[in-house]
C-alpha cells in the first residue's frame, strides 16, 4: 500500500526530528497540518504515529517507512543536483516532487546507478538500503563529494558535476579525471590534494564539484 505524498512528507519530517534533531516529536504547525488533516488520519490508522494534543510522535511501527522516505528524498537530491545539475531552490523543490516516484524498487536502481552514495548534497546521511549493504559486503564503496572526505583519505575520482566550462578545464588541467586516484591532505582553509605526483589546492565551491569513490 502506497501512502499519500503528504503522509510521506510527515513521516520524513518526524524521522528527521527524531533521528537527527534530538526531538521525539513535531508540532502540528511544523508539519504544516491541522489536527483533522487526512494525512494524519491515514498515518494514525496504520499506527505509524501517535497524536497527543498538538504534538505528533513517530511510533516504532512507522519508523521503517519514515526511514525509507528520507532515503528516497536524499537519493532524489543526489540525482537532480549532481547528475542533472539542478541546484539551489529549484533542485530542492524538484527533489521533493521526485522522491514520491521512487517506489517499487526504483530507489534501489537509482542508488545502484549513483554507486550507493552515503550522504545527500547537503552532507546529511542517506539511510542505507539492502543494496548498499550488499555492495559493502562485496567491497564496493559509495561516492561522495570531496568536501565530505577527511584529511588523509584516498579515493578514485568518480565524476565531476560542474557544468561550467572554465571550472571543468581547470580540473582537467590538474588531472582531476574519472578513474584517477586522489589523495586528500588538508580540508581547511582550502582543500589540498594530490593527483599523481602533483599537489593542488581548490576552494570549497570547486571541491563540491569533485565526486570521489572512497577507498
N, C-alpha and C. Protein backbone atom coordinates (compact mmCIF):
# COMPACT_ATOMS: atom_id res chain seq x y z
N UNK A 1 0.84 -1.20 0.00
CA UNK A 1 0.00 0.00 0.00
C UNK A 1 0.88 1.25 0.00
N UNK A 2 0.62 2.15 -0.96
CA UNK A 2 1.37 3.38 -1.04
C UNK A 2 0.71 4.47 -0.20
N UNK A 3 1.51 5.20 0.53
CA UNK A 3 1.00 6.33 1.30
C UNK A 3 0.78 7.52 0.38
N UNK A 4 -0.06 8.44 0.82
CA UNK A 4 -0.20 9.70 0.09
C UNK A 4 1.10 10.49 0.22
N UNK A 5 1.31 11.41 -0.71
CA UNK A 5 2.54 12.20 -0.69
C UNK A 5 2.65 13.02 0.60
N UNK A 6 1.54 13.56 1.05
CA UNK A 6 1.56 14.37 2.27
C UNK A 6 1.90 13.52 3.49
N UNK A 7 1.39 12.28 3.52
CA UNK A 7 1.71 11.38 4.64
C UNK A 7 3.19 11.06 4.64
N UNK A 8 3.76 10.86 3.45
CA UNK A 8 5.20 10.60 3.36
C UNK A 8 6.00 11.80 3.85
N UNK A 9 5.55 13.00 3.50
CA UNK A 9 6.25 14.21 3.95
C UNK A 9 6.22 14.32 5.48
N UNK A 10 5.11 13.94 6.08
CA UNK A 10 5.01 13.97 7.54
C UNK A 10 5.97 12.98 8.17
N UNK A 11 6.01 11.77 7.63
CA UNK A 11 6.93 10.76 8.14
C UNK A 11 8.38 11.22 8.02
N UNK A 12 8.69 11.83 6.90
CA UNK A 12 10.06 12.32 6.68
C UNK A 12 10.44 13.35 7.74
N UNK A 13 9.54 14.30 7.98
CA UNK A 13 9.81 15.34 8.98
C UNK A 13 9.95 14.75 10.38
N UNK A 14 9.13 13.76 10.70
CA UNK A 14 9.20 13.13 12.01
C UNK A 14 10.49 12.34 12.19
N UNK A 15 10.94 11.65 11.13
CA UNK A 15 12.18 10.88 11.22
C UNK A 15 13.37 11.81 11.44
N UNK A 16 13.40 12.92 10.70
CA UNK A 16 14.50 13.88 10.84
C UNK A 16 14.50 14.48 12.24
N UNK A 17 13.31 14.84 12.75
CA UNK A 17 13.22 15.39 14.10
C UNK A 17 13.70 14.40 15.14
N UNK A 18 13.32 13.14 14.97
CA UNK A 18 13.65 12.10 15.95
C UNK A 18 15.10 11.66 15.86
N UNK A 19 15.58 11.40 14.65
CA UNK A 19 16.89 10.80 14.47
C UNK A 19 18.03 11.81 14.35
N UNK A 20 17.74 13.02 13.89
CA UNK A 20 18.82 13.96 13.60
C UNK A 20 18.76 15.24 14.41
N UNK A 21 17.61 15.59 14.93
CA UNK A 21 17.49 16.86 15.64
C UNK A 21 17.28 16.67 17.14
N UNK A 22 17.25 15.44 17.61
CA UNK A 22 17.17 15.17 19.04
C UNK A 22 15.82 15.44 19.66
N UNK A 23 14.77 15.53 18.84
CA UNK A 23 13.43 15.73 19.37
C UNK A 23 12.65 14.45 19.15
N UNK A 24 11.74 14.14 20.03
CA UNK A 24 10.97 12.90 19.87
C UNK A 24 9.59 13.12 19.27
N UNK A 25 9.35 14.36 18.82
CA UNK A 25 8.04 14.67 18.23
C UNK A 25 8.15 15.95 17.42
N UNK A 26 7.06 16.29 16.74
CA UNK A 26 7.00 17.54 15.98
C UNK A 26 5.64 18.18 16.20
N UNK A 27 5.62 19.50 16.21
CA UNK A 27 4.37 20.24 16.40
C UNK A 27 3.58 20.23 15.08
N UNK A 28 2.27 20.24 15.20
CA UNK A 28 1.41 20.25 14.02
C UNK A 28 1.76 21.39 13.06
N UNK A 29 2.06 22.55 13.62
CA UNK A 29 2.38 23.70 12.78
C UNK A 29 3.68 23.48 12.02
N UNK A 30 4.63 22.79 12.64
CA UNK A 30 5.89 22.48 11.97
C UNK A 30 5.66 21.54 10.80
N UNK A 31 4.72 20.62 10.96
CA UNK A 31 4.40 19.67 9.91
C UNK A 31 3.49 20.26 8.84
N UNK A 32 2.95 21.45 9.12
CA UNK A 32 2.08 22.12 8.16
C UNK A 32 0.72 21.48 8.01
N UNK A 33 0.21 20.91 9.12
CA UNK A 33 -1.10 20.25 9.08
C UNK A 33 -1.93 20.67 10.28
N UNK A 34 -3.23 20.47 10.16
CA UNK A 34 -4.14 20.69 11.27
C UNK A 34 -4.48 19.37 11.92
N UNK A 35 -5.13 19.40 13.08
CA UNK A 35 -5.43 18.17 13.82
C UNK A 35 -6.35 17.21 13.08
N UNK A 36 -7.12 17.70 12.12
CA UNK A 36 -8.04 16.85 11.38
C UNK A 36 -7.57 16.55 9.95
N UNK A 37 -6.31 16.77 9.71
CA UNK A 37 -5.78 16.56 8.37
C UNK A 37 -5.90 15.08 7.97
N UNK A 38 -6.30 14.83 6.74
CA UNK A 38 -6.50 13.45 6.27
C UNK A 38 -5.20 12.65 6.29
N UNK A 39 -4.07 13.30 6.01
CA UNK A 39 -2.80 12.58 6.01
C UNK A 39 -2.45 12.09 7.42
N UNK A 40 -2.77 12.91 8.42
CA UNK A 40 -2.57 12.47 9.80
C UNK A 40 -3.44 11.28 10.13
N UNK A 41 -4.71 11.32 9.72
CA UNK A 41 -5.62 10.21 9.98
C UNK A 41 -5.14 8.94 9.28
N UNK A 42 -4.60 9.12 8.08
CA UNK A 42 -4.07 7.99 7.32
C UNK A 42 -2.95 7.30 8.11
N UNK A 43 -2.02 8.08 8.64
CA UNK A 43 -0.90 7.52 9.40
C UNK A 43 -1.36 6.96 10.74
N UNK A 44 -2.36 7.60 11.33
CA UNK A 44 -2.88 7.13 12.61
C UNK A 44 -3.57 5.77 12.44
N UNK A 45 -4.29 5.59 11.34
CA UNK A 45 -4.95 4.31 11.08
C UNK A 45 -3.95 3.17 10.93
N UNK A 46 -2.78 3.49 10.40
CA UNK A 46 -1.74 2.48 10.21
C UNK A 46 -0.90 2.28 11.47
N UNK A 47 -1.21 3.05 12.52
CA UNK A 47 -0.46 3.02 13.79
C UNK A 47 1.00 3.43 13.58
N UNK A 48 1.24 4.31 12.61
CA UNK A 48 2.59 4.82 12.37
C UNK A 48 2.94 5.99 13.29
N UNK A 49 1.92 6.67 13.80
CA UNK A 49 2.14 7.85 14.63
C UNK A 49 1.21 7.84 15.84
N UNK A 50 1.58 8.63 16.84
CA UNK A 50 0.72 8.95 17.96
C UNK A 50 0.49 10.46 17.95
N UNK A 51 -0.73 10.88 18.19
CA UNK A 51 -1.06 12.30 18.24
C UNK A 51 -1.49 12.62 19.67
N UNK A 52 -0.74 13.52 20.29
CA UNK A 52 -1.05 13.93 21.66
C UNK A 52 -1.13 15.45 21.69
N UNK A 53 -2.36 15.95 21.74
CA UNK A 53 -2.54 17.40 21.69
C UNK A 53 -2.09 17.92 20.34
N UNK A 54 -1.13 18.84 20.37
CA UNK A 54 -0.62 19.41 19.12
C UNK A 54 0.74 18.83 18.75
N UNK A 55 1.15 17.76 19.41
CA UNK A 55 2.42 17.10 19.11
C UNK A 55 2.16 15.75 18.42
N UNK A 56 3.01 15.43 17.46
CA UNK A 56 2.90 14.16 16.73
C UNK A 56 4.18 13.37 16.98
N UNK A 57 4.02 12.10 17.35
CA UNK A 57 5.14 11.23 17.68
C UNK A 57 5.24 10.09 16.67
N UNK A 58 6.45 9.75 16.27
CA UNK A 58 6.67 8.63 15.36
C UNK A 58 6.75 7.33 16.16
N UNK A 59 5.88 6.40 15.84
CA UNK A 59 5.88 5.10 16.51
C UNK A 59 6.91 4.17 15.86
N UNK A 60 7.29 3.13 16.59
CA UNK A 60 8.23 2.15 16.05
C UNK A 60 7.68 1.51 14.78
N UNK A 61 6.36 1.33 14.73
CA UNK A 61 5.75 0.73 13.55
C UNK A 61 5.95 1.59 12.30
N UNK A 62 6.06 2.90 12.50
CA UNK A 62 6.21 3.79 11.36
C UNK A 62 7.65 4.12 11.01
N UNK A 63 8.58 3.71 11.89
CA UNK A 63 9.99 4.07 11.70
C UNK A 63 10.57 3.55 10.39
N UNK A 64 10.36 2.27 10.01
CA UNK A 64 10.96 1.79 8.76
C UNK A 64 10.49 2.56 7.52
N UNK A 65 9.18 2.85 7.46
CA UNK A 65 8.66 3.59 6.31
C UNK A 65 9.17 5.03 6.31
N UNK A 66 9.28 5.64 7.50
CA UNK A 66 9.80 7.00 7.59
C UNK A 66 11.25 7.05 7.13
N UNK A 67 12.02 6.07 7.54
CA UNK A 67 13.44 5.99 7.15
C UNK A 67 13.58 5.87 5.64
N UNK A 68 12.75 5.04 5.02
CA UNK A 68 12.83 4.86 3.58
C UNK A 68 12.38 6.11 2.83
N UNK A 69 11.47 6.87 3.43
CA UNK A 69 11.05 8.12 2.81
C UNK A 69 12.20 9.12 2.77
N UNK A 70 12.93 9.20 3.88
CA UNK A 70 14.11 10.08 3.92
C UNK A 70 15.14 9.61 2.89
N UNK A 71 15.33 8.30 2.83
CA UNK A 71 16.29 7.74 1.87
C UNK A 71 15.92 8.13 0.43
N UNK A 72 14.64 7.98 0.07
CA UNK A 72 14.22 8.31 -1.29
C UNK A 72 14.43 9.79 -1.59
N UNK A 73 14.14 10.65 -0.62
CA UNK A 73 14.31 12.09 -0.82
C UNK A 73 15.77 12.43 -1.08
N UNK A 74 16.66 11.88 -0.30
CA UNK A 74 18.07 12.24 -0.42
C UNK A 74 18.73 11.62 -1.65
N UNK A 75 18.23 10.47 -2.07
CA UNK A 75 18.69 9.91 -3.34
C UNK A 75 18.22 10.79 -4.50
N UNK A 76 17.00 11.29 -4.40
CA UNK A 76 16.47 12.18 -5.44
C UNK A 76 17.32 13.46 -5.52
N UNK A 77 17.74 13.97 -4.36
CA UNK A 77 18.60 15.16 -4.36
C UNK A 77 19.91 14.88 -5.07
N UNK A 78 20.49 13.71 -4.83
CA UNK A 78 21.75 13.35 -5.49
C UNK A 78 21.59 13.32 -7.00
N UNK A 79 20.53 12.70 -7.47
CA UNK A 79 20.31 12.61 -8.90
C UNK A 79 20.12 13.99 -9.52
N UNK A 80 19.22 14.78 -8.94
CA UNK A 80 18.87 16.06 -9.54
C UNK A 80 19.98 17.10 -9.43
N UNK A 81 20.69 17.11 -8.30
CA UNK A 81 21.70 18.14 -8.09
C UNK A 81 23.06 17.76 -8.68
N UNK A 82 23.44 16.48 -8.55
CA UNK A 82 24.76 16.08 -9.01
C UNK A 82 24.78 15.72 -10.48
N UNK A 83 23.78 14.96 -10.92
CA UNK A 83 23.78 14.47 -12.28
C UNK A 83 23.08 15.43 -13.24
N UNK A 84 21.91 15.94 -12.83
CA UNK A 84 21.14 16.82 -13.71
C UNK A 84 21.44 18.30 -13.47
N UNK A 85 22.28 18.58 -12.48
CA UNK A 85 22.76 19.94 -12.20
C UNK A 85 21.63 20.91 -11.88
N UNK A 86 20.60 20.43 -11.17
CA UNK A 86 19.54 21.32 -10.69
C UNK A 86 19.83 21.63 -9.23
N UNK A 87 20.41 22.79 -9.00
CA UNK A 87 20.84 23.14 -7.65
C UNK A 87 19.97 24.24 -7.06
N UNK A 88 20.22 24.56 -5.79
CA UNK A 88 19.51 25.63 -5.12
C UNK A 88 18.05 25.27 -4.87
N UNK A 89 17.21 26.30 -4.82
CA UNK A 89 15.79 26.11 -4.53
C UNK A 89 15.12 25.21 -5.55
N UNK A 90 15.48 25.36 -6.82
CA UNK A 90 14.89 24.54 -7.86
C UNK A 90 15.18 23.07 -7.64
N UNK A 91 16.43 22.75 -7.26
CA UNK A 91 16.79 21.37 -7.00
C UNK A 91 16.06 20.80 -5.81
N UNK A 92 15.92 21.60 -4.76
CA UNK A 92 15.21 21.14 -3.56
C UNK A 92 13.74 20.85 -3.87
N UNK A 93 13.11 21.75 -4.63
CA UNK A 93 11.69 21.58 -4.95
C UNK A 93 11.47 20.36 -5.83
N UNK A 94 12.33 20.18 -6.83
CA UNK A 94 12.18 19.02 -7.72
C UNK A 94 12.44 17.72 -6.97
N UNK A 95 13.38 17.73 -6.03
CA UNK A 95 13.66 16.52 -5.25
C UNK A 95 12.44 16.14 -4.42
N UNK A 96 11.74 17.13 -3.87
CA UNK A 96 10.53 16.86 -3.08
C UNK A 96 9.46 16.20 -3.94
N UNK A 97 9.39 16.60 -5.21
CA UNK A 97 8.41 16.02 -6.12
C UNK A 97 8.86 14.62 -6.58
N UNK A 98 10.13 14.49 -6.89
CA UNK A 98 10.64 13.26 -7.49
C UNK A 98 10.70 12.10 -6.51
N UNK A 99 10.94 12.40 -5.24
CA UNK A 99 11.09 11.33 -4.25
C UNK A 99 9.88 10.40 -4.20
N UNK A 100 8.69 10.97 -4.47
CA UNK A 100 7.47 10.16 -4.36
C UNK A 100 7.34 9.15 -5.51
N UNK A 101 8.20 9.27 -6.51
CA UNK A 101 8.17 8.33 -7.63
C UNK A 101 9.10 7.14 -7.41
N UNK A 102 9.93 7.23 -6.38
CA UNK A 102 10.96 6.21 -6.17
C UNK A 102 10.44 5.06 -5.31
N UNK A 103 9.40 4.40 -5.80
CA UNK A 103 8.85 3.26 -5.08
C UNK A 103 9.06 2.00 -5.91
N UNK A 104 8.65 0.88 -5.35
CA UNK A 104 8.67 -0.41 -6.06
C UNK A 104 10.06 -0.74 -6.61
N UNK A 105 11.08 -0.46 -5.82
CA UNK A 105 12.43 -0.83 -6.22
C UNK A 105 13.15 0.18 -7.07
N UNK A 106 12.48 1.27 -7.46
CA UNK A 106 13.14 2.30 -8.27
C UNK A 106 14.26 2.95 -7.47
N UNK A 107 14.06 3.11 -6.15
CA UNK A 107 15.10 3.70 -5.32
C UNK A 107 16.35 2.83 -5.32
N UNK A 108 16.18 1.52 -5.33
CA UNK A 108 17.34 0.61 -5.37
C UNK A 108 18.11 0.77 -6.67
N UNK A 109 17.37 0.86 -7.78
CA UNK A 109 18.03 1.03 -9.07
C UNK A 109 18.77 2.37 -9.13
N UNK A 110 18.15 3.42 -8.60
CA UNK A 110 18.80 4.73 -8.60
C UNK A 110 20.03 4.72 -7.70
N UNK A 111 19.91 4.11 -6.54
CA UNK A 111 21.04 4.04 -5.61
C UNK A 111 22.22 3.31 -6.25
N UNK A 112 21.93 2.22 -6.95
CA UNK A 112 22.99 1.46 -7.62
C UNK A 112 23.60 2.28 -8.75
N UNK A 113 22.77 3.00 -9.49
CA UNK A 113 23.27 3.87 -10.57
C UNK A 113 24.22 4.92 -10.02
N UNK A 114 23.88 5.48 -8.85
CA UNK A 114 24.71 6.52 -8.24
C UNK A 114 25.87 5.96 -7.43
N UNK A 115 26.00 4.63 -7.43
CA UNK A 115 27.07 3.94 -6.71
C UNK A 115 26.95 4.10 -5.20
N UNK A 116 25.73 3.98 -4.70
CA UNK A 116 25.45 3.91 -3.27
C UNK A 116 26.03 5.10 -2.48
N UNK A 117 25.59 6.32 -2.78
CA UNK A 117 26.10 7.49 -2.04
C UNK A 117 25.71 7.41 -0.57
N UNK A 118 26.59 7.90 0.29
CA UNK A 118 26.35 7.83 1.74
C UNK A 118 25.76 9.10 2.31
N UNK A 119 25.84 10.21 1.56
CA UNK A 119 25.29 11.48 2.05
C UNK A 119 24.57 12.19 0.91
N UNK A 120 23.66 13.09 1.28
CA UNK A 120 22.99 13.93 0.29
C UNK A 120 23.90 15.11 -0.06
N UNK A 121 23.54 15.94 -1.05
CA UNK A 121 24.39 17.08 -1.39
C UNK A 121 24.59 18.08 -0.26
N UNK A 122 23.72 18.04 0.76
CA UNK A 122 23.86 18.94 1.90
C UNK A 122 24.69 18.32 3.03
N UNK A 123 25.22 17.13 2.79
CA UNK A 123 26.08 16.48 3.77
C UNK A 123 25.35 15.63 4.80
N UNK A 124 24.04 15.47 4.65
CA UNK A 124 23.28 14.66 5.60
C UNK A 124 23.30 13.20 5.16
N UNK A 125 23.33 12.27 6.12
CA UNK A 125 23.45 10.85 5.75
C UNK A 125 22.23 10.32 5.01
N UNK A 126 22.48 9.48 4.03
CA UNK A 126 21.42 8.76 3.34
C UNK A 126 21.27 7.39 4.01
N UNK A 127 20.14 7.11 4.62
CA UNK A 127 19.97 5.79 5.23
C UNK A 127 20.24 4.68 4.21
N UNK A 128 21.13 3.76 4.51
CA UNK A 128 21.47 2.72 3.53
C UNK A 128 20.34 1.73 3.31
N UNK A 129 20.26 1.21 2.11
CA UNK A 129 19.30 0.17 1.79
C UNK A 129 19.99 -1.18 1.71
N UNK A 130 19.24 -2.21 1.39
CA UNK A 130 19.83 -3.54 1.26
C UNK A 130 20.89 -3.58 0.16
N UNK A 131 20.68 -2.80 -0.90
CA UNK A 131 21.66 -2.78 -1.99
C UNK A 131 22.99 -2.21 -1.52
N UNK A 132 22.94 -1.24 -0.60
CA UNK A 132 24.18 -0.65 -0.07
C UNK A 132 24.94 -1.67 0.79
N UNK A 133 24.19 -2.38 1.63
CA UNK A 133 24.81 -3.39 2.49
C UNK A 133 25.46 -4.48 1.64
N UNK A 134 24.78 -4.89 0.57
CA UNK A 134 25.33 -5.92 -0.31
C UNK A 134 26.58 -5.42 -1.01
N UNK A 135 26.55 -4.16 -1.46
CA UNK A 135 27.71 -3.59 -2.13
C UNK A 135 28.91 -3.53 -1.19
N UNK A 136 28.67 -3.19 0.07
CA UNK A 136 29.77 -3.11 1.03
C UNK A 136 30.33 -4.50 1.35
N UNK A 137 29.44 -5.50 1.40
CA UNK A 137 29.91 -6.86 1.64
C UNK A 137 30.81 -7.33 0.49
N UNK A 138 30.53 -6.80 -0.70
CA UNK A 138 31.32 -7.18 -1.87
C UNK A 138 32.52 -6.26 -2.07
N UNK A 139 32.71 -5.33 -1.14
CA UNK A 139 33.87 -4.45 -1.21
C UNK A 139 33.66 -3.20 -2.03
N UNK A 140 32.43 -2.95 -2.47
CA UNK A 140 32.15 -1.72 -3.21
C UNK A 140 31.95 -0.57 -2.23
N UNK A 141 32.21 0.64 -2.68
CA UNK A 141 32.08 1.80 -1.80
C UNK A 141 31.23 2.88 -2.45
N UNK A 142 30.72 3.79 -1.65
CA UNK A 142 29.87 4.85 -2.15
C UNK A 142 30.65 6.02 -2.71
N UNK A 143 29.93 6.90 -3.39
CA UNK A 143 30.52 8.09 -3.98
C UNK A 143 30.08 9.32 -3.18
N UNK A 144 31.04 10.16 -2.81
CA UNK A 144 30.74 11.38 -2.06
C UNK A 144 31.51 12.54 -2.66
N UNK A 145 31.07 13.75 -2.34
CA UNK A 145 31.81 14.94 -2.76
C UNK A 145 33.12 15.03 -1.99
N UNK A 146 34.11 15.64 -2.60
CA UNK A 146 35.42 15.79 -1.94
C UNK A 146 35.28 16.50 -0.60
N UNK A 147 34.32 17.40 -0.49
CA UNK A 147 34.12 18.15 0.76
C UNK A 147 33.72 17.25 1.92
N UNK A 148 33.29 16.03 1.64
CA UNK A 148 32.83 15.14 2.70
C UNK A 148 33.89 14.13 3.14
N UNK A 149 35.07 14.21 2.52
CA UNK A 149 36.17 13.34 2.93
C UNK A 149 36.99 14.01 4.04
N UNK A 150 37.63 13.19 4.84
CA UNK A 150 38.52 13.68 5.88
C UNK A 150 39.95 13.74 5.35
N UNK A 151 40.74 14.63 5.92
CA UNK A 151 42.15 14.72 5.54
C UNK A 151 42.82 13.36 5.74
N UNK A 152 43.63 12.97 4.78
CA UNK A 152 44.27 11.67 4.84
C UNK A 152 43.57 10.60 4.03
N UNK A 153 42.36 10.93 3.52
CA UNK A 153 41.59 9.96 2.76
C UNK A 153 42.11 9.84 1.32
N UNK A 154 41.93 8.68 0.76
CA UNK A 154 42.29 8.42 -0.63
C UNK A 154 41.09 7.81 -1.34
N UNK A 155 40.89 8.20 -2.57
CA UNK A 155 39.77 7.64 -3.32
C UNK A 155 39.97 7.78 -4.82
N UNK A 156 39.10 7.12 -5.55
CA UNK A 156 39.13 7.19 -7.01
C UNK A 156 38.12 8.23 -7.47
N UNK A 157 38.53 9.12 -8.33
CA UNK A 157 37.64 10.15 -8.85
C UNK A 157 36.54 9.47 -9.67
N UNK A 158 35.28 9.71 -9.29
CA UNK A 158 34.15 9.06 -9.95
C UNK A 158 33.61 9.92 -11.10
N UNK A 159 33.32 11.20 -10.80
CA UNK A 159 32.84 12.09 -11.85
C UNK A 159 32.93 13.53 -11.36
N UNK A 160 32.77 14.48 -12.29
CA UNK A 160 32.78 15.90 -11.99
C UNK A 160 31.38 16.43 -12.28
N UNK A 161 30.83 17.21 -11.37
CA UNK A 161 29.43 17.64 -11.54
C UNK A 161 29.30 19.05 -12.11
N UNK A 162 30.40 19.75 -12.30
CA UNK A 162 30.29 21.12 -12.77
C UNK A 162 29.85 21.19 -14.23
N UNK A 163 29.04 22.21 -14.54
CA UNK A 163 28.64 22.46 -15.93
C UNK A 163 29.34 23.71 -16.47
N UNK A 164 30.22 24.30 -15.65
CA UNK A 164 30.95 25.50 -16.03
C UNK A 164 32.20 25.07 -16.82
N UNK A 165 32.31 25.46 -18.09
CA UNK A 165 33.47 25.04 -18.90
C UNK A 165 34.81 25.46 -18.30
N UNK A 166 34.86 26.64 -17.70
CA UNK A 166 36.13 27.11 -17.12
C UNK A 166 36.54 26.24 -15.93
N UNK A 167 35.55 25.90 -15.07
CA UNK A 167 35.85 25.02 -13.95
C UNK A 167 36.28 23.64 -14.43
N UNK A 168 35.58 23.13 -15.43
CA UNK A 168 35.91 21.81 -15.97
C UNK A 168 37.33 21.81 -16.54
N UNK A 169 37.67 22.86 -17.28
CA UNK A 169 39.00 22.95 -17.86
C UNK A 169 40.07 23.01 -16.78
N UNK A 170 39.78 23.75 -15.70
CA UNK A 170 40.75 23.87 -14.61
C UNK A 170 40.98 22.51 -13.95
N UNK A 171 39.89 21.79 -13.68
CA UNK A 171 40.02 20.49 -13.03
C UNK A 171 40.74 19.50 -13.94
N UNK A 172 40.41 19.53 -15.22
CA UNK A 172 41.06 18.61 -16.15
C UNK A 172 42.55 18.89 -16.26
N UNK A 173 42.92 20.18 -16.20
CA UNK A 173 44.35 20.52 -16.28
C UNK A 173 45.12 20.03 -15.07
N UNK A 174 44.41 19.79 -13.96
CA UNK A 174 45.04 19.25 -12.75
C UNK A 174 45.13 17.71 -12.80
N UNK A 175 44.50 17.14 -13.80
CA UNK A 175 44.45 15.68 -13.84
C UNK A 175 43.31 15.11 -13.03
N UNK A 176 42.36 15.99 -12.66
CA UNK A 176 41.18 15.54 -11.91
C UNK A 176 40.19 14.96 -12.91
N UNK A 177 40.37 13.68 -13.21
CA UNK A 177 39.57 13.00 -14.21
C UNK A 177 39.06 11.67 -13.66
N UNK A 178 37.89 11.23 -14.07
CA UNK A 178 37.36 9.95 -13.59
C UNK A 178 38.36 8.81 -13.78
N UNK A 179 38.52 8.04 -12.73
CA UNK A 179 39.45 6.91 -12.76
C UNK A 179 40.78 7.19 -12.10
N UNK A 180 41.16 8.47 -12.00
CA UNK A 180 42.42 8.82 -11.35
C UNK A 180 42.28 8.76 -9.83
N UNK A 181 43.37 8.47 -9.16
CA UNK A 181 43.37 8.41 -7.70
C UNK A 181 43.69 9.78 -7.11
N UNK A 182 42.94 10.15 -6.10
CA UNK A 182 43.13 11.44 -5.43
C UNK A 182 43.41 11.19 -3.95
N UNK A 183 44.42 11.86 -3.43
CA UNK A 183 44.75 11.76 -2.01
C UNK A 183 44.59 13.12 -1.36
N UNK A 184 43.68 13.22 -0.41
CA UNK A 184 43.37 14.49 0.24
C UNK A 184 44.26 14.67 1.47
N UNK A 185 44.98 15.79 1.53
CA UNK A 185 45.88 16.01 2.67
C UNK A 185 45.39 17.10 3.62
N UNK A 186 44.54 18.01 3.14
CA UNK A 186 44.05 19.10 4.01
C UNK A 186 42.67 19.54 3.54
N UNK A 187 41.84 19.96 4.51
CA UNK A 187 40.49 20.42 4.17
C UNK A 187 40.24 21.88 4.56
N UNK A 188 41.19 22.49 5.26
CA UNK A 188 40.99 23.87 5.71
C UNK A 188 42.32 24.61 5.72
N UNK A 189 42.33 25.85 5.28
CA UNK A 189 41.23 26.69 4.76
C UNK A 189 40.86 26.38 3.31
N UNK A 190 41.74 25.61 2.61
CA UNK A 190 41.42 25.14 1.28
C UNK A 190 41.59 23.63 1.25
N UNK A 191 41.09 23.03 0.18
CA UNK A 191 41.23 21.58 0.02
C UNK A 191 42.50 21.31 -0.79
N UNK A 192 43.45 20.65 -0.15
CA UNK A 192 44.72 20.35 -0.80
C UNK A 192 44.79 18.85 -1.05
N UNK A 193 45.10 18.47 -2.27
CA UNK A 193 45.13 17.04 -2.61
C UNK A 193 46.20 16.78 -3.66
N UNK A 194 46.54 15.50 -3.79
CA UNK A 194 47.49 15.06 -4.80
C UNK A 194 46.78 14.20 -5.83
N UNK A 195 47.13 14.42 -7.07
CA UNK A 195 46.75 13.53 -8.16
C UNK A 195 48.05 13.17 -8.85
N UNK A 196 48.41 11.91 -8.81
CA UNK A 196 49.73 11.51 -9.31
C UNK A 196 50.80 12.07 -8.38
N UNK A 197 51.79 12.73 -8.95
CA UNK A 197 52.86 13.31 -8.14
C UNK A 197 52.69 14.81 -7.93
N UNK A 198 51.56 15.36 -8.39
CA UNK A 198 51.34 16.81 -8.30
C UNK A 198 50.33 17.14 -7.21
N UNK A 199 50.55 18.27 -6.54
CA UNK A 199 49.66 18.70 -5.46
C UNK A 199 48.92 19.96 -5.90
N UNK A 200 47.63 20.02 -5.55
CA UNK A 200 46.79 21.14 -5.95
C UNK A 200 45.95 21.63 -4.77
N UNK A 201 45.47 22.86 -4.88
CA UNK A 201 44.58 23.43 -3.87
C UNK A 201 43.36 24.02 -4.57
N UNK A 202 42.16 23.72 -4.03
CA UNK A 202 40.93 24.30 -4.57
C UNK A 202 40.08 24.80 -3.40
N UNK A 203 39.18 25.74 -3.68
CA UNK A 203 38.30 26.23 -2.63
C UNK A 203 37.14 25.25 -2.44
N UNK A 204 36.31 25.52 -1.43
CA UNK A 204 35.22 24.62 -1.10
C UNK A 204 34.22 24.49 -2.24
N UNK A 205 33.96 25.59 -2.92
CA UNK A 205 32.98 25.56 -4.02
C UNK A 205 33.40 24.59 -5.11
N UNK A 206 34.67 24.62 -5.48
CA UNK A 206 35.14 23.73 -6.53
C UNK A 206 35.27 22.30 -6.00
N UNK A 207 35.62 22.16 -4.73
CA UNK A 207 35.75 20.83 -4.14
C UNK A 207 34.41 20.10 -4.16
N UNK A 208 33.31 20.83 -4.05
CA UNK A 208 31.97 20.23 -4.08
C UNK A 208 31.65 19.62 -5.44
N UNK A 209 32.37 20.03 -6.46
CA UNK A 209 32.10 19.54 -7.81
C UNK A 209 32.85 18.25 -8.12
N UNK A 210 33.74 17.83 -7.21
CA UNK A 210 34.54 16.62 -7.43
C UNK A 210 33.95 15.49 -6.60
N UNK A 211 33.56 14.42 -7.27
CA UNK A 211 32.97 13.28 -6.55
C UNK A 211 33.93 12.10 -6.61
N UNK A 212 34.11 11.52 -5.42
CA UNK A 212 35.15 10.50 -5.23
C UNK A 212 34.53 9.21 -4.72
N UNK A 213 35.01 8.11 -5.25
CA UNK A 213 34.65 6.79 -4.75
C UNK A 213 35.62 6.44 -3.63
N UNK A 214 35.14 6.40 -2.41
CA UNK A 214 36.04 6.25 -1.26
C UNK A 214 36.80 4.94 -1.31
N UNK A 215 38.10 5.04 -0.98
CA UNK A 215 38.95 3.84 -0.97
C UNK A 215 38.94 3.16 0.38
